[in-house]
Amino acid sequence: MATLDKTQQDAEKLAAALAAVKFVKDGDIVGLGTGSTTTFAIKELGKRVKEGLNIKAAASSIRTEELAKSLGIKILDLGRLSKIDISIDGADEFTESLDLIKGGGGALFREKIIASLSKNAIIITDASKKVKKLGAFTVPVEVIPLAYQYVFDQINQFGGKGILRSVDNKTFITDNGNLIIDADFGLIDDPAKLSVKLNQINGLLAHGLFINITSKVIMSEGTNIIIFE
């Protein structure tokens, strides 16, 4: 994984976001992810809406919804949508085979629903997010509170080391009212197999392995835009 300073990283995030927004067409329903990279895309979409672009959007988090609304983007109820034309989101890690780890921002469940509904699920990243094998970043797991200990124990049985996520010394609570366990499985040889195993745990709402969901990854590396699909 490449190491970038913040200025370079932000420049690459912006470049990837601008490249992704070009795929949005008038009349589209757009899925909006959560995180610093996606924020660049949302702000650009807001500019284009003011210039006359006609879109509606579904948000993956409360903070994304608030940002989009503040920029004049109309927000739809995600739970009532049967399809999304295009979605734009970030990732914590990705491989050239389009396997991802997501959820560093805590919105993985809604992000996964949006990606699953999308005809064109686009991920935007800077060069630091590309890896040969997933797992340097922990796998976020959203868990219903009453099932916390059971899920935690199951993760340990799968060879993971779980830590309850906290922010500013307070337990992190998702927009859905749930907890997040950040699970370290080391470098993951078979992400698809681990995804299936995690999906079988009762009380686990969603995990951050995104397998066979992404249409393309748009990565900015320096001044170059590279598309993986």
C-alpha atoms as a PDB file:
ATOM      1  CA  MET A   1       0.000   0.000   0.000  1.00  0.00           C
ATOM      2  CA  ALA A   2       1.462   3.356  -1.059  1.00  0.00           C
ATOM      3  CA  THR A   3       2.076   6.087   1.521  1.00  0.00           C
ATOM      4  CA  LEU A   4       0.958   9.603   0.599  1.00  0.00           C
ATOM      5  CA  ASP A   5       1.026  12.906   2.437  1.00  0.00           C
ATOM      6  CA  LYS A   6      -2.389  14.461   3.084  1.00  0.00           C
ATOM      7  CA  THR A   7      -2.092  17.119   0.365  1.00  0.00           C
ATOM      8  CA  GLN A   8      -1.247  14.539  -2.282  1.00  0.00           C
ATOM      9  CA  GLN A   9      -3.890  12.168  -0.976  1.00  0.00           C
ATOM     10  CA  ASP A  10      -6.599  14.849  -1.099  1.00  0.00           C
ATOM     11  CA  ALA A  11      -5.557  15.824  -4.622  1.00  0.00           C
ATOM     12  CA  GLU A  12      -5.894  12.205  -5.736  1.00  0.00           C
ATOM     13  CA  LYS A  13      -9.253  11.818  -3.986  1.00  0.00           C
ATOM     14  CA  LEU A  14     -10.554  14.914  -5.762  1.00  0.00           C
ATOM     15  CA  ALA A  15      -9.288  13.747  -9.147  1.00  0.00           C
ATOM     16  CA  ALA A  16     -10.949  10.331  -8.735  1.00  0.00           C
ATOM     17  CA  ALA A  17     -14.185  11.984  -7.600  1.00  0.00           C
ATOM     18  CA  LEU A  18     -14.278  14.308 -10.601  1.00  0.00           C
ATOM     19  CA  ALA A  19     -13.691  11.369 -12.941  1.00  0.00           C
ATOM     20  CA  ALA A  20     -16.552   9.397 -11.369  1.00  0.00           C
ATOM     21  CA  VAL A  21     -19.056  12.260 -11.473  1.00  0.00           C
ATOM     22  CA  LYS A  22     -18.660  12.369 -15.261  1.00  0.00           C
ATOM     23  CA  PHE A  23     -20.544   9.054 -15.396  1.00  0.00           C
ATOM     24  CA  VAL A  24     -23.651  10.614 -13.792  1.00  0.00           C
ATOM     25  CA  LYS A  25     -26.353  11.450 -16.326  1.00  0.00           C
ATOM     26  CA  ASP A  26     -29.353  13.754 -16.200  1.00  0.00           C
ATOM     27  CA  GLY A  27     -32.295  11.982 -14.580  1.00  0.00           C
ATOM     28  CA  ASP A  28     -30.183   9.434 -12.689  1.00  0.00           C
ATOM     29  CA  ILE A  29     -30.864   8.161  -9.212  1.00  0.00           C
ATOM     30  CA  VAL A  30     -27.447   8.341  -7.559  1.00  0.00           C
ATOM     31  CA  GLY A  31     -26.281   6.372  -4.526  1.00  0.00           C
ATOM     32  CA  LEU A  32     -24.011   8.435  -2.306  1.00  0.00           C
ATOM     33  CA  GLY A  33     -21.459   6.778  -0.075  1.00  0.00           C
ATOM     34  CA  THR A  34     -19.847   8.060   3.103  1.00  0.00           C
ATOM     35  CA  GLY A  35     -16.324   9.250   3.795  1.00  0.00           C
ATOM     36  CA  SER A  36     -13.738  11.830   2.860  1.00  0.00           C
ATOM     37  CA  THR A  37     -13.305  10.702  -0.751  1.00  0.00           C
ATOM     38  CA  THR A  38     -17.032  10.563  -1.457  1.00  0.00           C
ATOM     39  CA  THR A  39     -17.435  14.050   0.032  1.00  0.00           C
ATOM     40  CA  PHE A  40     -15.475  15.442  -2.912  1.00  0.00           C
ATOM     41  CA  ALA A  41     -17.902  13.740  -5.318  1.00  0.00           C
ATOM     42  CA  ILE A  42     -20.982  14.968  -3.450  1.00  0.00           C
ATOM     43  CA  LYS A  43     -19.722  18.549  -3.490  1.00  0.00           C
ATOM     44  CA  GLU A  44     -19.059  18.322  -7.231  1.00  0.00           C
ATOM     45  CA  LEU A  45     -22.535  16.905  -7.816  1.00  0.00           C
ATOM     46  CA  GLY A  46     -23.941  19.789  -5.796  1.00  0.00           C
ATOM     47  CA  LYS A  47     -22.183  22.248  -8.107  1.00  0.00           C
ATOM     48  CA  ARG A  48     -23.609  20.517 -11.152  1.00  0.00           C
ATOM     49  CA  VAL A  49     -27.112  20.466  -9.679  1.00  0.00           C
ATOM     50  CA  LYS A  50     -26.902  24.252  -9.288  1.00  0.00           C
ATOM     51  CA  GLU A  51     -25.858  24.377 -12.949  1.00  0.00           C
ATOM     52  CA  GLY A  52     -28.979  22.434 -13.953  1.00  0.00           C
ATOM     53  CA  LEU A  53     -28.188  18.731 -13.550  1.00  0.00           C
ATOM     54  CA  ASN A  54     -31.394  16.874 -12.644  1.00  0.00           C
ATOM     55  CA  ILE A  55     -30.704  14.002 -10.259  1.00  0.00           C
ATOM     56  CA  LYS A  56     -32.116  12.424  -7.134  1.00  0.00           C
ATOM     57  CA  ALA A  57     -30.023  10.558  -4.596  1.00  0.00           C
ATOM     58  CA  ALA A  58     -30.017   7.924  -1.858  1.00  0.00           C
ATOM     59  CA  ALA A  59     -27.688   8.497   1.073  1.00  0.00           C
ATOM     60  CA  SER A  60     -25.686   5.883   2.968  1.00  0.00           C
ATOM     61  CA  SER A  61     -25.544   7.858   6.214  1.00  0.00           C
ATOM     62  CA  ILE A  62     -27.130  10.722   8.075  1.00  0.00           C
ATOM     63  CA  ARG A  63     -24.093  12.940   7.512  1.00  0.00           C
ATOM     64  CA  THR A  64     -24.104  12.214   3.780  1.00  0.00           C
ATOM     65  CA  GLU A  65     -27.814  13.013   3.614  1.00  0.00           C
ATOM     66  CA  GLU A  66     -27.288  16.308   5.457  1.00  0.00           C
ATOM     67  CA  LEU A  67     -24.403  17.295   3.169  1.00  0.00           C
ATOM     68  CA  ALA A  68     -26.327  16.418  -0.002  1.00  0.00           C
ATOM     69  CA  LYS A  69     -29.429  18.318   1.104  1.00  0.00           C
ATOM     70  CA  SER A  70     -27.336  21.373   1.979  1.00  0.00           C
ATOM     71  CA  LEU A  71     -26.070  21.364  -1.618  1.00  0.00           C
ATOM     72  CA  GLY A  72     -29.540  21.164  -3.134  1.00  0.00           C
ATOM     73  CA  ILE A  73     -29.532  17.443  -3.954  1.00  0.00           C
ATOM     74  CA  LYS A  74     -32.934  15.815  -3.470  1.00  0.00           C
ATOM     75  CA  ILE A  75     -32.767  12.729  -1.220  1.00  0.00           C
ATOM     76  CA  LEU A  76     -35.001   9.675  -1.677  1.00  0.00           C
ATOM     77  CA  ASP A  77     -35.931   7.046   0.925  1.00  0.00           C
ATOM     78  CA  LEU A  78     -33.429   4.229   0.385  1.00  0.00           C
ATOM     79  CA  GLY A  79     -35.847   1.648   1.748  1.00  0.00           C
ATOM     80  CA  ARG A  80     -38.332   2.357  -1.042  1.00  0.00           C
ATOM     81  CA  LEU A  81     -35.914   2.021  -3.957  1.00  0.00           C
ATOM     82  CA  SER A  82     -35.748  -1.078  -6.140  1.00  0.00           C
ATOM     83  CA  LYS A  83     -32.852   0.181  -8.259  1.00  0.00           C
ATOM     84  CA  ILE A  84     -30.177   2.872  -8.351  1.00  0.00           C
ATOM     85  CA  ASP A  85     -28.650   3.985 -11.649  1.00  0.00           C
ATOM     86  CA  ILE A  86     -25.172   4.744 -10.358  1.00  0.00           C
ATOM     87  CA  SER A  87     -23.456   4.922  -6.992  1.00  0.00           C
ATOM     88  CA  ILE A  88     -20.225   6.577  -5.948  1.00  0.00           C
ATOM     89  CA  ASP A  89     -18.404   5.513  -2.800  1.00  0.00           C
ATOM     90  CA  GLY A  90     -14.936   5.107  -1.364  1.00  0.00           C
ATOM     91  CA  ALA A  91     -13.045   2.115   0.028  1.00  0.00           C
ATOM     92  CA  ASP A  92     -10.519   1.414   2.754  1.00  0.00           C
ATOM     93  CA  GLU A  93      -8.754  -1.199   0.617  1.00  0.00           C
ATOM     94  CA  PHE A  94      -9.262  -2.719  -2.815  1.00  0.00           C
ATOM     95  CA  THR A  95      -7.607  -5.276  -5.075  1.00  0.00           C
ATOM     96  CA  GLU A  96      -7.472  -5.384  -8.857  1.00  0.00           C
ATOM     97  CA  SER A  97     -10.096  -8.150  -8.736  1.00  0.00           C
ATOM     98  CA  LEU A  98     -12.485  -5.514  -7.243  1.00  0.00           C
ATOM     99  CA  ASP A  99     -12.680  -7.071  -3.781  1.00  0.00           C
ATOM    100  CA  LEU A 100     -13.001  -4.364  -1.144  1.00  0.00           C
ATOM    101  CA  ILE A 101     -12.872  -3.637   2.553  1.00  0.00           C
ATOM    102  CA  LYS A 102     -15.245  -0.827   3.479  1.00  0.00           C
ATOM    103  CA  GLY A 103     -16.790   0.547   6.640  1.00  0.00           C
ATOM    104  CA  GLY A 104     -14.083   2.706   8.160  1.00  0.00           C
ATOM    105  CA  GLY A 105     -16.694   5.443   8.382  1.00  0.00           C
ATOM    106  CA  GLY A 106     -19.223   3.136  10.015  1.00  0.00           C
ATOM    107  CA  ALA A 107     -21.819   3.186   7.214  1.00  0.00           C
ATOM    108  CA  LEU A 108     -21.101  -0.252   5.731  1.00  0.00           C
ATOM    109  CA  PHE A 109     -24.638  -1.681   5.932  1.00  0.00           C
ATOM    110  CA  ARG A 110     -26.308   1.123   4.005  1.00  0.00           C
ATOM    111  CA  GLU A 111     -23.326   1.333   1.651  1.00  0.00           C
ATOM    112  CA  LYS A 112     -23.711  -2.356   0.847  1.00  0.00           C
ATOM    113  CA  ILE A 113     -27.448  -1.956   0.193  1.00  0.00           C
ATOM    114  CA  ILE A 114     -26.768   0.966  -2.149  1.00  0.00           C
ATOM    115  CA  ALA A 115     -24.040  -0.942  -4.007  1.00  0.00           C
ATOM    116  CA  SER A 116     -26.292  -3.991  -4.346  1.00  0.00           C
ATOM    117  CA  LEU A 117     -29.094  -1.860  -5.846  1.00  0.00           C
ATOM    118  CA  SER A 118     -26.784  -0.064  -8.270  1.00  0.00           C
ATOM    119  CA  LYS A 119     -26.524  -0.835 -11.957  1.00  0.00           C
ATOM    120  CA  ASN A 120     -23.137   0.901 -11.940  1.00  0.00           C
ATOM    121  CA  ALA A 121     -21.394   0.764  -8.557  1.00  0.00           C
ATOM    122  CA  ILE A 122     -18.312   2.974  -8.754  1.00  0.00           C
ATOM    123  CA  ILE A 123     -15.596   3.095  -6.115  1.00  0.00           C
ATOM    124  CA  ILE A 124     -13.240   6.078  -6.026  1.00  0.00           C
ATOM    125  CA  THR A 125      -9.871   6.014  -4.273  1.00  0.00           C
ATOM    126  CA  ASP A 126      -6.427   7.479  -4.070  1.00  0.00           C
ATOM    127  CA  ALA A 127      -3.443   5.248  -4.786  1.00  0.00           C
ATOM    128  CA  SER A 128      -2.884   4.378  -1.110  1.00  0.00           C
ATOM    129  CA  LYS A 129      -5.958   2.111  -1.061  1.00  0.00           C
ATOM    130  CA  LYS A 130      -4.749  -0.392  -3.672  1.00  0.00           C
ATOM    131  CA  VAL A 131      -3.347  -3.627  -2.195  1.00  0.00           C
ATOM    132  CA  LYS A 132      -2.311  -7.031  -3.481  1.00  0.00           C
ATOM    133  CA  LYS A 133      -4.216  -8.779  -0.688  1.00  0.00           C
ATOM    134  CA  LEU A 134      -6.925  -7.458   1.623  1.00  0.00           C
ATOM    135  CA  GLY A 135      -6.479  -7.442   5.366  1.00  0.00           C
ATOM    136  CA  ALA A 136      -4.015  -4.771   6.467  1.00  0.00           C
ATOM    137  CA  PHE A 137      -7.160  -2.775   7.246  1.00  0.00           C
ATOM    138  CA  THR A 138      -9.466  -4.493   9.727  1.00  0.00           C
ATOM    139  CA  VAL A 139     -12.853  -5.829   8.583  1.00  0.00           C
ATOM    140  CA  PRO A 140     -15.666  -3.788  10.158  1.00  0.00           C
ATOM    141  CA  VAL A 141     -18.607  -5.864  11.361  1.00  0.00           C
ATOM    142  CA  GLU A 142     -21.912  -4.215  12.277  1.00  0.00           C
ATOM    143  CA  VAL A 143     -23.625  -6.199  14.997  1.00  0.00           C
ATOM    144  CA  ILE A 144     -26.970  -5.944  16.769  1.00  0.00           C
ATOM    145  CA  PRO A 145     -26.156  -5.063  20.406  1.00  0.00           C
ATOM    146  CA  LEU A 146     -27.919  -8.029  22.014  1.00  0.00           C
ATOM    147  CA  ALA A 147     -25.844 -10.381  19.833  1.00  0.00           C
ATOM    148  CA  TYR A 148     -22.534  -8.636  20.478  1.00  0.00           C
ATOM    149  CA  GLN A 149     -20.807 -11.272  22.601  1.00  0.00           C
ATOM    150  CA  TYR A 150     -21.974 -14.147  20.397  1.00  0.00           C
ATOM    151  CA  VAL A 151     -20.725 -12.445  17.233  1.00  0.00           C
ATOM    152  CA  PHE A 152     -17.480 -11.452  18.949  1.00  0.00           C
ATOM    153  CA  ASP A 153     -16.875 -15.092  19.968  1.00  0.00           C
ATOM    154  CA  GLN A 154     -17.694 -16.371  16.478  1.00  0.00           C
ATOM    155  CA  ILE A 155     -15.191 -13.963  14.939  1.00  0.00           C
ATOM    156  CA  ASN A 156     -12.546 -15.289  17.312  1.00  0.00           C
ATOM    157  CA  GLN A 157     -13.418 -18.855  16.301  1.00  0.00           C
ATOM    158  CA  PHE A 158     -12.853 -17.847  12.672  1.00  0.00           C
ATOM    159  CA  GLY A 159      -9.340 -16.727  13.577  1.00  0.00           C
ATOM    160  CA  GLY A 160     -10.119 -13.034  13.882  1.00  0.00           C
ATOM    161  CA  LYS A 161      -9.239 -10.677  16.703  1.00  0.00           C
ATOM    162  CA  GLY A 162     -12.140  -8.351  17.369  1.00  0.00           C
ATOM    163  CA  ILE A 163     -12.131  -4.931  19.007  1.00  0.00           C
ATOM    164  CA  LEU A 164     -15.272  -2.966  19.829  1.00  0.00           C
ATOM    165  CA  ARG A 165     -15.056   0.324  17.966  1.00  0.00           C
ATOM    166  CA  SER A 166     -14.970   3.464  20.079  1.00  0.00           C
ATOM    167  CA  VAL A 167     -14.530   7.117  19.169  1.00  0.00           C
ATOM    168  CA  ASP A 168     -13.326   9.694  21.690  1.00  0.00           C
ATOM    169  CA  ASN A 169     -13.482   7.032  24.420  1.00  0.00           C
ATOM    170  CA  LYS A 170     -17.157   6.391  23.694  1.00  0.00           C
ATOM    171  CA  THR A 171     -18.645   3.282  22.097  1.00  0.00           C
ATOM    172  CA  PHE A 172     -19.356   4.003  18.430  1.00  0.00           C
ATOM    173  CA  ILE A 173     -23.024   3.641  17.502  1.00  0.00           C
ATOM    174  CA  THR A 174     -24.027   3.349  13.848  1.00  0.00           C
ATOM    175  CA  ASP A 175     -26.903   5.259  12.244  1.00  0.00           C
ATOM    176  CA  ASN A 176     -28.857   2.009  12.639  1.00  0.00           C
ATOM    177  CA  GLY A 177     -28.306   1.960  16.413  1.00  0.00           C
ATOM    178  CA  ASN A 178     -25.810  -0.895  16.298  1.00  0.00           C
ATOM    179  CA  LEU A 179     -22.221  -1.607  17.351  1.00  0.00           C
ATOM    180  CA  ILE A 180     -19.160  -2.207  15.202  1.00  0.00           C
ATOM    181  CA  ILE A 181     -16.527  -4.831  15.841  1.00  0.00           C
ATOM    182  CA  ASP A 182     -13.296  -4.180  13.938  1.00  0.00           C
ATOM    183  CA  ALA A 183     -12.003  -7.661  13.162  1.00  0.00           C
ATOM    184  CA  ASP A 184      -8.373  -8.338  12.296  1.00  0.00           C
ATOM    185  CA  PHE A 185      -7.993 -11.503  10.224  1.00  0.00           C
ATOM    186  CA  GLY A 186      -4.504 -10.660   8.996  1.00  0.00           C
ATOM    187  CA  LEU A 187      -3.973 -10.798   5.245  1.00  0.00           C
ATOM    188  CA  ILE A 188      -6.986 -12.601   3.787  1.00  0.00           C
ATOM    189  CA  ASP A 189      -6.224 -15.413   1.333  1.00  0.00           C
ATOM    190  CA  ASP A 190      -9.839 -15.983   0.280  1.00  0.00           C
ATOM    191  CA  PRO A 191     -12.087 -12.935   0.897  1.00  0.00           C
ATOM    192  CA  ALA A 192     -15.105 -14.596  -0.746  1.00  0.00           C
ATOM    193  CA  LYS A 193     -14.890 -17.600   1.580  1.00  0.00           C
ATOM    194  CA  LEU A 194     -14.547 -15.384   4.665  1.00  0.00           C
ATOM    195  CA  SER A 195     -17.499 -13.300   3.471  1.00  0.00           C
ATOM    196  CA  VAL A 196     -19.710 -16.384   3.296  1.00  0.00           C
ATOM    197  CA  LYS A 197     -18.656 -17.496   6.785  1.00  0.00           C
ATOM    198  CA  LEU A 198     -19.360 -14.075   8.282  1.00  0.00           C
ATOM    199  CA  ASN A 199     -22.765 -13.919   6.579  1.00  0.00           C
ATOM    200  CA  GLN A 200     -23.782 -17.078   8.422  1.00  0.00           C
ATOM    201  CA  ILE A 201     -23.339 -15.559  11.904  1.00  0.00           C
ATOM    202  CA  ASN A 202     -26.674 -14.795  13.552  1.00  0.00           C
ATOM    203  CA  GLY A 203     -26.879 -11.224  14.831  1.00  0.00           C
ATOM    204  CA  LEU A 204     -24.322  -9.907  12.349  1.00  0.00           C
ATOM    205  CA  LEU A 205     -26.077  -7.236  10.284  1.00  0.00           C
ATOM    206  CA  ALA A 206     -23.308  -6.597   7.757  1.00  0.00           C
ATOM    207  CA  HIS A 207     -19.562  -6.867   7.309  1.00  0.00           C
ATOM    208  CA  GLY A 208     -17.103  -4.764   5.380  1.00  0.00           C
ATOM    209  CA  LEU A 209     -16.035  -7.306   2.774  1.00  0.00           C
ATOM    210  CA  PHE A 210     -17.579  -6.228  -0.531  1.00  0.00           C
ATOM    211  CA  ILE A 211     -17.293  -9.127  -2.962  1.00  0.00           C
ATOM    212  CA  ASN A 212     -18.744  -9.226  -6.508  1.00  0.00           C
ATOM    213  CA  ILE A 213     -20.635  -5.971  -5.955  1.00  0.00           C
ATOM    214  CA  THR A 214     -18.391  -3.317  -7.506  1.00  0.00           C
ATOM    215  CA  SER A 215     -18.644  -2.383 -11.197  1.00  0.00           C
ATOM    216  CA  LYS A 216     -15.421  -0.392 -11.374  1.00  0.00           C
ATOM    217  CA  VAL A 217     -12.772   1.267  -9.231  1.00  0.00           C
ATOM    218  CA  ILE A 218     -11.534   4.678 -10.327  1.00  0.00           C
ATOM    219  CA  MET A 219      -8.132   5.314  -8.780  1.00  0.00           C
ATOM    220  CA  SER A 220      -6.088   8.470  -9.043  1.00  0.00           C
ATOM    221  CA  GLU A 221      -2.328   8.016  -8.912  1.00  0.00           C
ATOM    222  CA  GLY A 222      -0.506  11.296  -9.173  1.00  0.00           C
ATOM    223  CA  THR A 223      -1.938  12.930 -12.290  1.00  0.00           C
ATOM    224  CA  ASN A 224      -3.142   9.623 -13.766  1.00  0.00           C
ATOM    225  CA  ILE A 225      -6.633   8.185 -13.583  1.00  0.00           C
ATOM    226  CA  ILE A 226      -6.666   4.376 -13.658  1.00  0.00           C
ATOM    227  CA  ILE A 227      -9.904   2.420 -13.982  1.00  0.00           C
ATOM    228  CA  PHE A 228     -10.183  -1.187 -12.822  1.00  0.00           C
ATOM    229  CA  GLU A 229     -13.240  -3.124 -14.005  1.00  0.00           C
END
